[in-house]
């Protein structure tokens, strides 16, 4: 789960729009750490990403889970090989310069390791 490279967030719309690049710079299993480089579609999703970060920081886990599910409905995380992953959790650093994320090849429900990034 420590796949290096640049991961990408895209909308699930047709055609997909590029939201952000996440160049991986480390890992803290099961989380990958990365930079966060907003792209053309970021502003539209900024409120949802900010809410997810806030809910994590304030340990509002039920709301965090619901917000994370909404994020997965709206956005797809693509691995460096270009293929989308089935499920992911993402937490932006409060300053917006970095991120922590984890992913799964299969949809995750009631994940015992979630949501504490």
PDB file of N, CA and C in Angstrom:
ATOM      1  N   UNK A   1       0.822  -1.195   0.000  1.00  0.00           N
ATOM      2  CA  UNK A   1       0.000   0.000   0.000  1.00  0.00           C
ATOM      3  C   UNK A   1       0.868   1.261   0.000  1.00  0.00           C
ATOM      4  N   UNK A   2       2.089   1.155  -0.372  1.00  0.00           N
ATOM      5  CA  UNK A   2       2.984   2.313  -0.364  1.00  0.00           C
ATOM      6  C   UNK A   2       3.362   2.713  -1.787  1.00  0.00           C
ATOM      7  N   UNK A   3       2.414   2.665  -2.682  1.00  0.00           N
ATOM      8  CA  UNK A   3       2.668   2.972  -4.076  1.00  0.00           C
ATOM      9  C   UNK A   3       3.109   4.422  -4.252  1.00  0.00           C
ATOM     10  N   UNK A   4       4.370   4.642  -4.654  1.00  0.00           N
ATOM     11  CA  UNK A   4       4.842   6.004  -4.883  1.00  0.00           C
ATOM     12  C   UNK A   4       4.317   6.538  -6.212  1.00  0.00           C
ATOM     13  N   UNK A   5       4.627   7.775  -6.480  1.00  0.00           N
ATOM     14  CA  UNK A   5       4.217   8.388  -7.735  1.00  0.00           C
ATOM     15  C   UNK A   5       3.197   9.479  -7.482  1.00  0.00           C
ATOM     16  N   UNK A   6       2.581   9.937  -8.556  1.00  0.00           N
ATOM     17  CA  UNK A   6       1.571  10.993  -8.452  1.00  0.00           C
ATOM     18  C   UNK A   6       0.187  10.373  -8.608  1.00  0.00           C
ATOM     19  N   UNK A   7      -0.609  10.493  -7.571  1.00  0.00           N
ATOM     20  CA  UNK A   7      -1.998  10.068  -7.574  1.00  0.00           C
ATOM     21  C   UNK A   7      -2.824  11.275  -8.011  1.00  0.00           C
ATOM     22  N   UNK A   8      -3.995  11.031  -8.574  1.00  0.00           N
ATOM     23  CA  UNK A   8      -4.804  12.143  -9.077  1.00  0.00           C
ATOM     24  C   UNK A   8      -6.255  11.997  -8.637  1.00  0.00           C
ATOM     25  N   UNK A   9      -6.831  13.134  -8.266  1.00  0.00           N
ATOM     26  CA  UNK A   9      -8.260  13.197  -7.974  1.00  0.00           C
ATOM     27  C   UNK A   9      -8.968  13.741  -9.208  1.00  0.00           C
ATOM     28  N   UNK A  10     -10.016  13.053  -9.615  1.00  0.00           N
ATOM     29  CA  UNK A  10     -10.841  13.483 -10.743  1.00  0.00           C
ATOM     30  C   UNK A  10     -12.303  13.430 -10.330  1.00  0.00           C
ATOM     31  N   UNK A  11     -13.114  14.252 -10.965  1.00  0.00           N
ATOM     32  CA  UNK A  11     -14.553  14.155 -10.733  1.00  0.00           C
ATOM     33  C   UNK A  11     -15.056  12.865 -11.377  1.00  0.00           C
ATOM     34  N   UNK A  12     -16.201  12.425 -10.937  1.00  0.00           N
ATOM     35  CA  UNK A  12     -16.818  11.233 -11.531  1.00  0.00           C
ATOM     36  C   UNK A  12     -17.770  11.626 -12.667  1.00  0.00           C
ATOM     37  N   UNK A  13     -17.675  12.844 -13.126  1.00  0.00           N
ATOM     38  CA  UNK A  13     -18.511  13.310 -14.225  1.00  0.00           C
ATOM     39  C   UNK A  13     -17.954  12.831 -15.555  1.00  0.00           C
ATOM     40  N   UNK A  14     -18.755  12.970 -16.597  1.00  0.00           N
ATOM     41  CA  UNK A  14     -18.303  12.654 -17.944  1.00  0.00           C
ATOM     42  C   UNK A  14     -18.332  13.937 -18.753  1.00  0.00           C
ATOM     43  N   UNK A  15     -17.201  14.399 -19.244  1.00  0.00           N
ATOM     44  CA  UNK A  15     -15.862  13.855 -19.011  1.00  0.00           C
ATOM     45  C   UNK A  15     -15.372  14.215 -17.609  1.00  0.00           C
ATOM     46  N   UNK A  16     -14.445  13.432 -17.065  1.00  0.00           N
ATOM     47  CA  UNK A  16     -13.897  13.733 -15.739  1.00  0.00           C
ATOM     48  C   UNK A  16     -13.112  15.042 -15.777  1.00  0.00           C
ATOM     49  N   UNK A  17     -13.151  15.751 -14.653  1.00  0.00           N
ATOM     50  CA  UNK A  17     -12.374  16.979 -14.513  1.00  0.00           C
ATOM     51  C   UNK A  17     -11.311  16.761 -13.452  1.00  0.00           C
ATOM     52  N   UNK A  18     -10.137  17.317 -13.682  1.00  0.00           N
ATOM     53  CA  UNK A  18      -8.965  17.142 -12.817  1.00  0.00           C
ATOM     54  C   UNK A  18      -9.109  18.049 -11.588  1.00  0.00           C
ATOM     55  N   UNK A  19      -9.138  17.455 -10.398  1.00  0.00           N
ATOM     56  CA  UNK A  19      -9.311  18.198  -9.153  1.00  0.00           C
ATOM     57  C   UNK A  19      -7.973  18.497  -8.490  1.00  0.00           C
ATOM     58  N   UNK A  20      -7.084  17.497  -8.400  1.00  0.00           N
ATOM     59  CA  UNK A  20      -5.808  17.706  -7.708  1.00  0.00           C
ATOM     60  C   UNK A  20      -4.834  16.587  -8.023  1.00  0.00           C
ATOM     61  N   UNK A  21      -3.551  16.916  -7.867  1.00  0.00           N
ATOM     62  CA  UNK A  21      -2.486  15.920  -7.911  1.00  0.00           C
ATOM     63  C   UNK A  21      -2.003  15.700  -6.490  1.00  0.00           C
ATOM     64  N   UNK A  22      -1.656  14.459  -6.183  1.00  0.00           N
ATOM     65  CA  UNK A  22      -1.151  14.077  -4.872  1.00  0.00           C
ATOM     66  C   UNK A  22       0.178  13.342  -5.062  1.00  0.00           C
ATOM     67  N   UNK A  23       1.290  14.075  -5.157  1.00  0.00           N
ATOM     68  CA  UNK A  23       2.587  13.406  -5.301  1.00  0.00           C
ATOM     69  C   UNK A  23       3.016  12.798  -3.965  1.00  0.00           C
ATOM     70  N   UNK A  24       3.108  11.485  -3.910  1.00  0.00           N
ATOM     71  CA  UNK A  24       3.429  10.773  -2.678  1.00  0.00           C
ATOM     72  C   UNK A  24       4.866  11.081  -2.258  1.00  0.00           C
ATOM     73  N   UNK A  25       5.014  11.415  -0.957  1.00  0.00           N
ATOM     74  CA  UNK A  25       6.354  11.703  -0.430  1.00  0.00           C
ATOM     75  C   UNK A  25       6.697  10.854   0.787  1.00  0.00           C
ATOM     76  N   UNK A  26       5.803   9.940   1.168  1.00  0.00           N
ATOM     77  CA  UNK A  26       6.095   9.069   2.295  1.00  0.00           C
ATOM     78  C   UNK A  26       4.896   8.213   2.652  1.00  0.00           C
ATOM     79  N   UNK A  27       5.064   7.423   3.706  1.00  0.00           N
ATOM     80  CA  UNK A  27       3.955   6.591   4.162  1.00  0.00           C
ATOM     81  C   UNK A  27       4.054   6.352   5.658  1.00  0.00           C
ATOM     82  N   UNK A  28       2.915   6.129   6.239  1.00  0.00           N
ATOM     83  CA  UNK A  28       2.764   5.768   7.644  1.00  0.00           C
ATOM     84  C   UNK A  28       1.616   4.768   7.646  1.00  0.00           C
ATOM     85  N   UNK A  29       1.952   3.510   7.309  1.00  0.00           N
ATOM     86  CA  UNK A  29       0.949   2.486   7.044  1.00  0.00           C
ATOM     87  C   UNK A  29      -0.240   2.593   7.992  1.00  0.00           C
ATOM     88  N   UNK A  30      -1.452   2.593   7.475  1.00  0.00           N
ATOM     89  CA  UNK A  30      -1.849   2.360   6.088  1.00  0.00           C
ATOM     90  C   UNK A  30      -1.986   3.658   5.261  1.00  0.00           C
ATOM     91  N   UNK A  31      -1.537   4.758   5.799  1.00  0.00           N
ATOM     92  CA  UNK A  31      -1.691   6.052   5.138  1.00  0.00           C
ATOM     93  C   UNK A  31      -0.489   6.387   4.261  1.00  0.00           C
ATOM     94  N   UNK A  32      -0.745   7.024   3.128  1.00  0.00           N
ATOM     95  CA  UNK A  32       0.297   7.614   2.301  1.00  0.00           C
ATOM     96  C   UNK A  32       0.275   9.113   2.563  1.00  0.00           C
ATOM     97  N   UNK A  33       1.431   9.732   2.581  1.00  0.00           N
ATOM     98  CA  UNK A  33       1.504  11.180   2.713  1.00  0.00           C
ATOM     99  C   UNK A  33       1.901  11.749   1.354  1.00  0.00           C
ATOM    100  N   UNK A  34       1.372  12.917   1.057  1.00  0.00           N
ATOM    101  CA  UNK A  34       1.597  13.487  -0.267  1.00  0.00           C
ATOM    102  C   UNK A  34       1.469  14.998  -0.221  1.00  0.00           C
ATOM    103  N   UNK A  35       2.012  15.632  -1.223  1.00  0.00           N
ATOM    104  CA  UNK A  35       1.731  17.036  -1.435  1.00  0.00           C
ATOM    105  C   UNK A  35       0.309  17.151  -1.962  1.00  0.00           C
ATOM    106  N   UNK A  36      -0.205  18.351  -1.996  1.00  0.00           N
ATOM    107  CA  UNK A  36      -1.544  18.572  -2.551  1.00  0.00           C
ATOM    108  C   UNK A  36      -1.458  19.734  -3.522  1.00  0.00           C
ATOM    109  N   UNK A  37      -1.686  19.430  -4.795  1.00  0.00           N
ATOM    110  CA  UNK A  37      -1.580  20.439  -5.847  1.00  0.00           C
ATOM    111  C   UNK A  37      -2.935  20.586  -6.536  1.00  0.00           C
ATOM    112  N   UNK A  38      -3.700  21.620  -6.149  1.00  0.00           N
ATOM    113  CA  UNK A  38      -5.028  21.829  -6.740  1.00  0.00           C
ATOM    114  C   UNK A  38      -4.946  22.068  -8.247  1.00  0.00           C
ATOM    115  N   UNK A  39      -5.958  21.610  -8.947  1.00  0.00           N
ATOM    116  CA  UNK A  39      -6.051  21.792 -10.390  1.00  0.00           C
ATOM    117  C   UNK A  39      -7.379  22.475 -10.729  1.00  0.00           C
ATOM    118  N   UNK A  40      -7.765  22.441 -11.978  1.00  0.00           N
ATOM    119  CA  UNK A  40      -8.869  23.255 -12.490  1.00  0.00           C
ATOM    120  C   UNK A  40     -10.213  23.058 -11.769  1.00  0.00           C
ATOM    121  N   UNK A  41     -10.557  21.867 -11.360  1.00  0.00           N
ATOM    122  CA  UNK A  41     -11.873  21.616 -10.752  1.00  0.00           C
ATOM    123  C   UNK A  41     -11.850  21.685  -9.223  1.00  0.00           C
ATOM    124  N   UNK A  42     -10.746  22.106  -8.631  1.00  0.00           N
ATOM    125  CA  UNK A  42     -10.620  22.088  -7.169  1.00  0.00           C
ATOM    126  C   UNK A  42     -11.626  22.993  -6.466  1.00  0.00           C
ATOM    127  N   UNK A  43     -11.772  24.216  -6.924  1.00  0.00           N
ATOM    128  CA  UNK A  43     -12.606  25.188  -6.209  1.00  0.00           C
ATOM    129  C   UNK A  43     -14.018  24.678  -5.972  1.00  0.00           C
ATOM    130  N   UNK A  44     -14.551  23.960  -6.913  1.00  0.00           N
ATOM    131  CA  UNK A  44     -15.900  23.403  -6.788  1.00  0.00           C
ATOM    132  C   UNK A  44     -16.000  22.418  -5.617  1.00  0.00           C
ATOM    133  N   UNK A  45     -14.898  21.761  -5.287  1.00  0.00           N
ATOM    134  CA  UNK A  45     -14.907  20.728  -4.254  1.00  0.00           C
ATOM    135  C   UNK A  45     -14.208  21.160  -2.962  1.00  0.00           C
ATOM    136  N   UNK A  46     -13.698  22.359  -2.943  1.00  0.00           N
ATOM    137  CA  UNK A  46     -12.997  22.871  -1.758  1.00  0.00           C
ATOM    138  C   UNK A  46     -13.844  22.763  -0.481  1.00  0.00           C
ATOM    139  N   UNK A  47     -15.129  23.183  -0.492  1.00  0.00           N
ATOM    140  CA  UNK A  47     -15.920  23.098   0.746  1.00  0.00           C
ATOM    141  C   UNK A  47     -16.026  21.680   1.307  1.00  0.00           C
ATOM    142  N   UNK A  48     -16.225  20.703   0.443  1.00  0.00           N
ATOM    143  CA  UNK A  48     -16.337  19.315   0.902  1.00  0.00           C
ATOM    144  C   UNK A  48     -15.015  18.828   1.488  1.00  0.00           C
ATOM    145  N   UNK A  49     -13.911  19.139   0.832  1.00  0.00           N
ATOM    146  CA  UNK A  49     -12.601  18.729   1.330  1.00  0.00           C
ATOM    147  C   UNK A  49     -12.267  19.441   2.649  1.00  0.00           C
ATOM    148  N   UNK A  50     -12.619  20.707   2.768  1.00  0.00           N
ATOM    149  CA  UNK A  50     -12.386  21.441   4.015  1.00  0.00           C
ATOM    150  C   UNK A  50     -13.235  20.864   5.145  1.00  0.00           C
ATOM    151  N   UNK A  51     -14.475  20.509   4.829  1.00  0.00           N
ATOM    152  CA  UNK A  51     -15.350  19.912   5.856  1.00  0.00           C
ATOM    153  C   UNK A  51     -14.782  18.574   6.329  1.00  0.00           C
ATOM    154  N   UNK A  52     -14.299  17.778   5.415  1.00  0.00           N
ATOM    155  CA  UNK A  52     -13.722  16.487   5.782  1.00  0.00           C
ATOM    156  C   UNK A  52     -12.539  16.678   6.734  1.00  0.00           C
ATOM    157  N   UNK A  53     -11.686  17.643   6.437  1.00  0.00           N
ATOM    158  CA  UNK A  53     -10.544  17.939   7.303  1.00  0.00           C
ATOM    159  C   UNK A  53     -11.011  18.404   8.676  1.00  0.00           C
ATOM    160  N   UNK A  54     -11.984  19.299   8.711  1.00  0.00           N
ATOM    161  CA  UNK A  54     -12.517  19.809   9.980  1.00  0.00           C
ATOM    162  C   UNK A  54     -13.103  18.667  10.822  1.00  0.00           C
ATOM    163  N   UNK A  55     -13.874  17.813  10.199  1.00  0.00           N
ATOM    164  CA  UNK A  55     -14.491  16.708  10.938  1.00  0.00           C
ATOM    165  C   UNK A  55     -13.447  15.760  11.507  1.00  0.00           C
ATOM    166  N   UNK A  56     -12.367  15.552  10.784  1.00  0.00           N
ATOM    167  CA  UNK A  56     -11.279  14.715  11.281  1.00  0.00           C
ATOM    168  C   UNK A  56     -10.600  15.382  12.477  1.00  0.00           C
ATOM    169  N   UNK A  57     -10.303  16.661  12.345  1.00  0.00           N
ATOM    170  CA  UNK A  57      -9.620  17.384  13.419  1.00  0.00           C
ATOM    171  C   UNK A  57     -10.457  17.451  14.696  1.00  0.00           C
ATOM    172  N   UNK A  58     -11.781  17.529  14.546  1.00  0.00           N
ATOM    173  CA  UNK A  58     -12.668  17.628  15.706  1.00  0.00           C
ATOM    174  C   UNK A  58     -13.224  16.270  16.135  1.00  0.00           C
ATOM    175  N   UNK A  59     -12.730  15.209  15.492  1.00  0.00           N
ATOM    176  CA  UNK A  59     -13.082  13.824  15.827  1.00  0.00           C
ATOM    177  C   UNK A  59     -14.588  13.577  15.816  1.00  0.00           C
ATOM    178  N   UNK A  60     -15.242  14.128  14.824  1.00  0.00           N
ATOM    179  CA  UNK A  60     -16.675  13.879  14.618  1.00  0.00           C
ATOM    180  C   UNK A  60     -16.799  12.742  13.607  1.00  0.00           C
ATOM    181  N   UNK A  61     -16.578  11.525  14.080  1.00  0.00           N
ATOM    182  CA  UNK A  61     -16.370  10.388  13.195  1.00  0.00           C
ATOM    183  C   UNK A  61     -17.592   9.982  12.389  1.00  0.00           C
ATOM    184  N   UNK A  62     -18.790  10.058  12.948  1.00  0.00           N
ATOM    185  CA  UNK A  62     -19.973   9.698  12.155  1.00  0.00           C
ATOM    186  C   UNK A  62     -20.129  10.644  10.976  1.00  0.00           C
ATOM    187  N   UNK A  63     -19.973  11.941  11.252  1.00  0.00           N
ATOM    188  CA  UNK A  63     -20.073  12.931  10.186  1.00  0.00           C
ATOM    189  C   UNK A  63     -18.914  12.785   9.199  1.00  0.00           C
ATOM    190  N   UNK A  64     -17.730  12.453   9.723  1.00  0.00           N
ATOM    191  CA  UNK A  64     -16.567  12.227   8.871  1.00  0.00           C
ATOM    192  C   UNK A  64     -16.846  11.085   7.894  1.00  0.00           C
ATOM    193  N   UNK A  65     -17.409   9.992   8.398  1.00  0.00           N
ATOM    194  CA  UNK A  65     -17.717   8.853   7.535  1.00  0.00           C
ATOM    195  C   UNK A  65     -18.706   9.244   6.446  1.00  0.00           C
ATOM    196  N   UNK A  66     -19.742   9.998   6.809  1.00  0.00           N
ATOM    197  CA  UNK A  66     -20.742  10.429   5.830  1.00  0.00           C
ATOM    198  C   UNK A  66     -20.112  11.362   4.797  1.00  0.00           C
ATOM    199  N   UNK A  67     -19.268  12.265   5.243  1.00  0.00           N
ATOM    200  CA  UNK A  67     -18.589  13.197   4.350  1.00  0.00           C
ATOM    201  C   UNK A  67     -17.616  12.443   3.436  1.00  0.00           C
ATOM    202  N   UNK A  68     -16.908  11.471   3.980  1.00  0.00           N
ATOM    203  CA  UNK A  68     -16.001  10.655   3.174  1.00  0.00           C
ATOM    204  C   UNK A  68     -16.751   9.867   2.116  1.00  0.00           C
ATOM    205  N   UNK A  69     -17.933   9.362   2.463  1.00  0.00           N
ATOM    206  CA  UNK A  69     -18.756   8.643   1.486  1.00  0.00           C
ATOM    207  C   UNK A  69     -19.199   9.589   0.373  1.00  0.00           C
ATOM    208  N   UNK A  70     -19.558  10.818   0.742  1.00  0.00           N
ATOM    209  CA  UNK A  70     -19.940  11.811  -0.268  1.00  0.00           C
ATOM    210  C   UNK A  70     -18.758  12.136  -1.179  1.00  0.00           C
ATOM    211  N   UNK A  71     -17.571  12.242  -0.599  1.00  0.00           N
ATOM    212  CA  UNK A  71     -16.368  12.492  -1.388  1.00  0.00           C
ATOM    213  C   UNK A  71     -16.162  11.375  -2.415  1.00  0.00           C
ATOM    214  N   UNK A  72     -16.343  10.126  -1.987  1.00  0.00           N
ATOM    215  CA  UNK A  72     -16.192   8.991  -2.898  1.00  0.00           C
ATOM    216  C   UNK A  72     -17.270   8.979  -3.978  1.00  0.00           C
ATOM    217  N   UNK A  73     -18.449   9.511  -3.685  1.00  0.00           N
ATOM    218  CA  UNK A  73     -19.501   9.592  -4.712  1.00  0.00           C
ATOM    219  C   UNK A  73     -19.159  10.652  -5.762  1.00  0.00           C
ATOM    220  N   UNK A  74     -18.523  11.731  -5.322  1.00  0.00           N
ATOM    221  CA  UNK A  74     -18.229  12.846  -6.230  1.00  0.00           C
ATOM    222  C   UNK A  74     -16.888  12.714  -6.958  1.00  0.00           C
ATOM    223  N   UNK A  75     -15.895  12.161  -6.253  1.00  0.00           N
ATOM    224  CA  UNK A  75     -14.540  12.134  -6.789  1.00  0.00           C
ATOM    225  C   UNK A  75     -13.990  10.717  -6.865  1.00  0.00           C
ATOM    226  N   UNK A  76     -13.071  10.526  -7.797  1.00  0.00           N
ATOM    227  CA  UNK A  76     -12.367   9.255  -7.933  1.00  0.00           C
ATOM    228  C   UNK A  76     -10.881   9.519  -7.727  1.00  0.00           C
ATOM    229  N   UNK A  77     -10.233   8.625  -7.015  1.00  0.00           N
ATOM    230  CA  UNK A  77      -8.791   8.690  -6.814  1.00  0.00           C
ATOM    231  C   UNK A  77      -8.149   7.709  -7.789  1.00  0.00           C
ATOM    232  N   UNK A  78      -7.232   8.233  -8.603  1.00  0.00           N
ATOM    233  CA  UNK A  78      -6.543   7.407  -9.597  1.00  0.00           C
ATOM    234  C   UNK A  78      -5.107   7.163  -9.151  1.00  0.00           C
ATOM    235  N   UNK A  79      -4.703   5.903  -9.176  1.00  0.00           N
ATOM    236  CA  UNK A  79      -3.332   5.511  -8.841  1.00  0.00           C
ATOM    237  C   UNK A  79      -2.384   6.023  -9.925  1.00  0.00           C
ATOM    238  N   UNK A  80      -1.086   5.994  -9.659  1.00  0.00           N
ATOM    239  CA  UNK A  80      -0.118   6.457 -10.661  1.00  0.00           C
ATOM    240  C   UNK A  80      -0.226   5.753 -12.018  1.00  0.00           C
ATOM    241  N   UNK A  81      -0.769   4.538 -12.045  1.00  0.00           N
ATOM    242  CA  UNK A  81      -0.938   3.838 -13.319  1.00  0.00           C
ATOM    243  C   UNK A  81      -2.162   4.326 -14.096  1.00  0.00           C
ATOM    244  N   UNK A  82      -2.908   5.280 -13.506  1.00  0.00           N
ATOM    245  CA  UNK A  82      -4.067   5.866 -14.180  1.00  0.00           C
ATOM    246  C   UNK A  82      -5.392   5.209 -13.859  1.00  0.00           C
ATOM    247  N   UNK A  83      -5.365   4.076 -13.183  1.00  0.00           N
ATOM    248  CA  UNK A  83      -6.601   3.372 -12.866  1.00  0.00           C
ATOM    249  C   UNK A  83      -7.209   3.883 -11.566  1.00  0.00           C
ATOM    250  N   UNK A  84      -8.537   4.039 -11.511  1.00  0.00           N
ATOM    251  CA  UNK A  84      -9.176   4.483 -10.276  1.00  0.00           C
ATOM    252  C   UNK A  84      -9.198   3.356  -9.239  1.00  0.00           C
ATOM    253  N   UNK A  85      -9.111   3.737  -7.971  1.00  0.00           N
ATOM    254  CA  UNK A  85      -9.234   2.773  -6.884  1.00  0.00           C
ATOM    255  C   UNK A  85     -10.714   2.668  -6.511  1.00  0.00           C
ATOM    256  N   UNK A  86     -11.085   1.599  -5.831  1.00  0.00           N
ATOM    257  CA  UNK A  86     -12.487   1.372  -5.496  1.00  0.00           C
ATOM    258  C   UNK A  86     -12.964   2.276  -4.368  1.00  0.00           C
ATOM    259  N   UNK A  87     -12.093   2.574  -3.415  1.00  0.00           N
ATOM    260  CA  UNK A  87     -12.494   3.342  -2.238  1.00  0.00           C
ATOM    261  C   UNK A  87     -11.270   4.052  -1.690  1.00  0.00           C
ATOM    262  N   UNK A  88     -11.483   5.209  -1.070  1.00  0.00           N
ATOM    263  CA  UNK A  88     -10.363   5.932  -0.481  1.00  0.00           C
ATOM    264  C   UNK A  88     -10.839   6.863   0.622  1.00  0.00           C
ATOM    265  N   UNK A  89      -9.920   7.186   1.511  1.00  0.00           N
ATOM    266  CA  UNK A  89     -10.102   8.212   2.529  1.00  0.00           C
ATOM    267  C   UNK A  89      -9.034   9.259   2.290  1.00  0.00           C
ATOM    268  N   UNK A  90      -9.378  10.518   2.480  1.00  0.00           N
ATOM    269  CA  UNK A  90      -8.458  11.608   2.224  1.00  0.00           C
ATOM    270  C   UNK A  90      -8.595  12.646   3.315  1.00  0.00           C
ATOM    271  N   UNK A  91      -7.470  13.141   3.787  1.00  0.00           N
ATOM    272  CA  UNK A  91      -7.470  14.232   4.756  1.00  0.00           C
ATOM    273  C   UNK A  91      -6.416  15.235   4.324  1.00  0.00           C
ATOM    274  N   UNK A  92      -6.865  16.465   4.060  1.00  0.00           N
ATOM    275  CA  UNK A  92      -5.926  17.524   3.708  1.00  0.00           C
ATOM    276  C   UNK A  92      -5.334  18.120   4.967  1.00  0.00           C
ATOM    277  N   UNK A  93      -4.088  18.544   4.905  1.00  0.00           N
ATOM    278  CA  UNK A  93      -3.491  19.295   5.998  1.00  0.00           C
ATOM    279  C   UNK A  93      -4.242  20.619   6.117  1.00  0.00           C
ATOM    280  N   UNK A  94      -4.367  21.143   7.332  1.00  0.00           N
ATOM    281  CA  UNK A  94      -5.095  22.409   7.498  1.00  0.00           C
ATOM    282  C   UNK A  94      -4.565  23.546   6.629  1.00  0.00           C
ATOM    283  N   UNK A  95      -3.262  23.542   6.333  1.00  0.00           N
ATOM    284  CA  UNK A  95      -2.703  24.609   5.498  1.00  0.00           C
ATOM    285  C   UNK A  95      -2.914  24.342   4.002  1.00  0.00           C
ATOM    286  N   UNK A  96      -3.452  23.168   3.663  1.00  0.00           N
ATOM    287  CA  UNK A  96      -3.744  22.838   2.273  1.00  0.00           C
ATOM    288  C   UNK A  96      -2.546  22.432   1.442  1.00  0.00           C
ATOM    289  N   UNK A  97      -1.357  22.352   2.040  1.00  0.00           N
ATOM    290  CA  UNK A  97      -0.152  22.036   1.265  1.00  0.00           C
ATOM    291  C   UNK A  97       0.102  20.541   1.137  1.00  0.00           C
ATOM    292  N   UNK A  98      -0.507  19.754   1.983  1.00  0.00           N
ATOM    293  CA  UNK A  98      -0.261  18.320   1.963  1.00  0.00           C
ATOM    294  C   UNK A  98      -1.525  17.537   2.250  1.00  0.00           C
ATOM    295  N   UNK A  99      -1.408  16.234   2.155  1.00  0.00           N
ATOM    296  CA  UNK A  99      -2.544  15.355   2.376  1.00  0.00           C
ATOM    297  C   UNK A  99      -2.065  14.010   2.891  1.00  0.00           C
ATOM    298  N   UNK A 100      -2.988  13.301   3.515  1.00  0.00           N
ATOM    299  CA  UNK A 100      -2.796  11.904   3.898  1.00  0.00           C
ATOM    300  C   UNK A 100      -3.967  11.163   3.292  1.00  0.00           C
ATOM    301  N   UNK A 101      -3.693  10.012   2.711  1.00  0.00           N
ATOM    302  CA  UNK A 101      -4.790   9.236   2.159  1.00  0.00           C
ATOM    303  C   UNK A 101      -4.479   7.762   2.235  1.00  0.00           C
ATOM    304  N   UNK A 102      -5.534   6.987   2.140  1.00  0.00           N
ATOM    305  CA  UNK A 102      -5.407   5.547   2.042  1.00  0.00           C
ATOM    306  C   UNK A 102      -6.443   5.074   1.050  1.00  0.00           C
ATOM    307  N   UNK A 103      -6.216   3.926   0.498  1.00  0.00           N
ATOM    308  CA  UNK A 103      -7.081   3.445  -0.565  1.00  0.00           C
ATOM    309  C   UNK A 103      -7.262   1.943  -0.474  1.00  0.00           C
ATOM    310  N   UNK A 104      -8.261   1.468  -1.207  1.00  0.00           N
ATOM    311  CA  UNK A 104      -8.550   0.042  -1.249  1.00  0.00           C
ATOM    312  C   UNK A 104      -8.951  -0.336  -2.669  1.00  0.00           C
ATOM    313  N   UNK A 105      -8.604  -1.542  -3.065  1.00  0.00           N
ATOM    314  CA  UNK A 105      -9.021  -2.057  -4.366  1.00  0.00           C
ATOM    315  C   UNK A 105     -10.482  -2.491  -4.359  1.00  0.00           C
ATOM    316  N   UNK A 106     -11.060  -2.609  -3.164  1.00  0.00           N
ATOM    317  CA  UNK A 106     -12.457  -2.999  -3.023  1.00  0.00           C
ATOM    318  C   UNK A 106     -13.180  -1.975  -2.173  1.00  0.00           C
ATOM    319  N   UNK A 107     -14.481  -1.770  -2.416  1.00  0.00           N
ATOM    320  CA  UNK A 107     -15.234  -0.838  -1.572  1.00  0.00           C
ATOM    321  C   UNK A 107     -15.145  -1.246  -0.109  1.00  0.00           C
ATOM    322  N   UNK A 108     -15.008  -0.258   0.772  1.00  0.00           N
ATOM    323  CA  UNK A 108     -14.859  -0.513   2.200  1.00  0.00           C
ATOM    324  C   UNK A 108     -16.130  -0.094   2.918  1.00  0.00           C
ATOM    325  N   UNK A 109     -16.654  -1.003   3.730  1.00  0.00           N
ATOM    326  CA  UNK A 109     -17.809  -0.672   4.565  1.00  0.00           C
ATOM    327  C   UNK A 109     -17.453  -1.060   5.985  1.00  0.00           C
ATOM    328  N   UNK A 110     -17.773  -0.167   6.941  1.00  0.00           N
ATOM    329  CA  UNK A 110     -17.510  -0.427   8.355  1.00  0.00           C
ATOM    330  C   UNK A 110     -16.051  -0.798   8.596  1.00  0.00           C
ATOM    331  N   UNK A 111     -15.136  -0.026   8.041  1.00  0.00           N
ATOM    332  CA  UNK A 111     -13.700  -0.255   8.165  1.00  0.00           C
ATOM    333  C   UNK A 111     -13.251  -0.035   9.611  1.00  0.00           C
ATOM    334  N   UNK A 112     -12.716  -1.052  10.287  1.00  0.00           N
ATOM    335  CA  UNK A 112     -12.310  -0.890  11.685  1.00  0.00           C
ATOM    336  C   UNK A 112     -11.139   0.064  11.867  1.00  0.00           C
ATOM    337  N   UNK A 113     -10.361   0.313  10.825  1.00  0.00           N
ATOM    338  CA  UNK A 113      -9.226   1.242  10.938  1.00  0.00           C
ATOM    339  C   UNK A 113      -9.627   2.672  10.641  1.00  0.00           C
ATOM    340  N   UNK A 114     -10.812   2.864  10.191  1.00  0.00           N
ATOM    341  CA  UNK A 114     -11.301   4.177   9.812  1.00  0.00           C
ATOM    342  C   UNK A 114     -11.953   4.804  11.031  1.00  0.00           C
ATOM    343  N   UNK A 115     -11.947   6.073  11.175  1.00  0.00           N
ATOM    344  CA  UNK A 115     -11.544   7.094  10.255  1.00  0.00           C
ATOM    345  C   UNK A 115     -10.297   7.839  10.673  1.00  0.00           C
ATOM    346  N   UNK A 116      -9.646   7.451  11.722  1.00  0.00           N
ATOM    347  CA  UNK A 116      -8.541   8.252  12.272  1.00  0.00           C
ATOM    348  C   UNK A 116      -7.328   8.294  11.346  1.00  0.00           C
ATOM    349  N   UNK A 117      -7.152   9.394  10.614  1.00  0.00           N
ATOM    350  CA  UNK A 117      -5.995   9.516   9.746  1.00  0.00           C
ATOM    351  C   UNK A 117      -4.729   9.824  10.514  1.00  0.00           C
TER     352      UNK A 117
END
